[in-house]
Structure formats: C-alpha cells, structure tokens
Amino acid sequence: MVQTNEMVLAKIAGLYDALFRHNGFGEMRIEMRILKKGQKEVIIHCGKQYRFVVDWPAPAAGGAPAKVGSCGCETRSVDSDQK
C-alpha cells in the first residue's frame, strides 16, 4: 500500500480531534526519520504508534535541498529591522 503525506496529515488531524474532544489529558508526539531510497518514516505516538513510510520529494531544482530548521520547517532569513 502506497502511503502519502496526505494520509499522515489526515491521521494527525483525526487524532488531534479525538484528543481535543476527550474529557481528560491527552498527548501526541511525532517522530520523523530519513530512510534510504528517498523516503521518510513518520511515527505518530498517541496512545498507540501509527507508522507511515512516505516518499520524500527530491531536492529542488539546482540540486540543493531546502534549508530546514530543527522542527523540519523551511527557514528563511529575516532582517533585524522587521518585527
């Protein structure tokens, strides 16, 4: 079965909704690991573990991957004058 990033996002949204509606404490944690063959493993911890292996996009044109921060989000420079 081919797993996609959209499937992971749908699972995260569903689990978040269940946690939000739960009458008590809840916790969710997400891990990502880079695998061989241009894939990433995504593990969602939320009572159980939900494991996905999804294709990771190739680097952008020019050969260099996007610069990412520790959160996995793309980063960009901000002038110190901007607030």
Protein backbone atom coordinates (compact mmCIF):
# COMPACT_ATOMS: atom_id res chain seq x y z
CA MET A 1 0.00 0.00 0.00
CA VAL A 2 1.38 3.37 -1.01
CA GLN A 3 1.35 5.83 1.86
CA THR A 4 1.27 9.57 1.19
CA ASN A 5 1.91 12.73 3.14
CA GLU A 6 -1.82 13.49 2.88
CA MET A 7 -2.60 10.22 4.69
CA VAL A 8 -0.26 11.21 7.52
CA LEU A 9 -1.84 14.66 7.79
CA ALA A 10 -5.34 13.13 7.85
CA LYS A 11 -4.32 10.74 10.67
CA ILE A 12 -2.78 13.63 12.66
CA ALA A 13 -5.94 15.71 12.22
CA GLY A 14 -8.16 12.79 13.29
CA LEU A 15 -6.05 12.05 16.36
CA TYR A 16 -5.94 15.73 17.31
CA ASP A 17 -9.73 15.92 17.05
CA ALA A 18 -10.10 12.83 19.27
CA LEU A 19 -7.68 14.28 21.85
CA PHE A 20 -9.45 17.63 21.84
CA ARG A 21 -12.86 16.03 22.41
CA HIS A 22 -11.54 13.67 25.12
CA ASN A 23 -12.65 14.58 28.63
CA GLY A 24 -9.20 14.41 30.19
CA PHE A 25 -5.49 14.52 29.48
CA GLY A 26 -4.04 13.57 26.13
CA GLU A 27 -0.64 13.63 24.48
CA MET A 28 0.58 13.33 20.91
CA ARG A 29 4.17 13.20 19.65
CA ILE A 30 5.55 12.91 16.12
CA GLU A 31 8.93 11.46 15.05
CA MET A 32 10.45 11.63 11.57
CA ARG A 33 13.46 9.73 10.26
CA ILE A 34 15.11 9.88 6.89
CA LEU A 35 15.29 6.46 5.23
CA LYS A 36 17.13 5.26 2.16
CA LYS A 37 15.57 5.46 -1.30
CA GLY A 38 14.15 8.98 -0.79
CA GLN A 39 11.67 8.07 1.93
CA LYS A 40 10.83 9.25 5.43
CA GLU A 41 9.41 7.24 8.30
CA VAL A 42 6.77 9.11 10.29
CA ILE A 43 5.72 7.71 13.66
CA ILE A 44 2.80 9.28 15.48
CA HIS A 45 2.63 8.45 19.19
CA CYS A 46 -0.86 8.89 20.60
CA GLY A 47 -1.81 6.03 22.91
CA LYS A 48 -0.65 3.69 20.12
CA GLN A 49 2.01 4.13 17.48
CA TYR A 50 0.94 4.84 13.90
CA ARG A 51 3.81 4.22 11.46
CA PHE A 52 3.94 5.58 7.91
CA VAL A 53 6.69 5.36 5.28
CA VAL A 54 6.23 8.07 2.67
CA ASP A 55 8.20 9.19 -0.35
CA TRP A 56 10.20 12.31 0.32
CA PRO A 57 10.40 14.86 -2.52
CA ALA A 58 13.68 15.13 -4.39
CA PRO A 59 15.78 18.26 -3.81
CA ALA A 60 14.62 21.42 -5.52
CA ALA A 61 15.92 22.37 -8.97
CA GLY A 62 19.58 23.17 -8.69
CA GLY A 63 20.33 20.09 -6.62
CA ALA A 64 20.34 21.62 -3.14
CA PRO A 65 17.65 20.58 -0.65
CA ALA A 66 15.64 23.30 1.05
CA LYS A 67 17.19 24.62 4.25
CA VAL A 68 15.19 23.30 7.18
CA GLY A 69 15.19 24.09 10.88
CA SER A 70 15.18 21.63 13.76
CA CYS A 71 11.38 21.46 13.54
CA GLY A 72 11.61 20.30 9.93
CA CYS A 73 10.08 23.55 8.70
CA GLU A 74 11.65 25.56 5.92
CA THR A 75 13.53 28.55 7.30
CA ARG A 76 14.19 31.96 5.85
CA SER A 77 16.25 34.97 6.88
CA VAL A 78 14.50 37.92 8.49
CA ASP A 79 16.03 41.40 8.65
CA SER A 80 16.70 42.55 12.20
CA ASP A 81 14.69 45.73 11.47
CA GLN A 82 11.48 43.73 10.94
CA LYS A 83 9.31 42.85 13.92
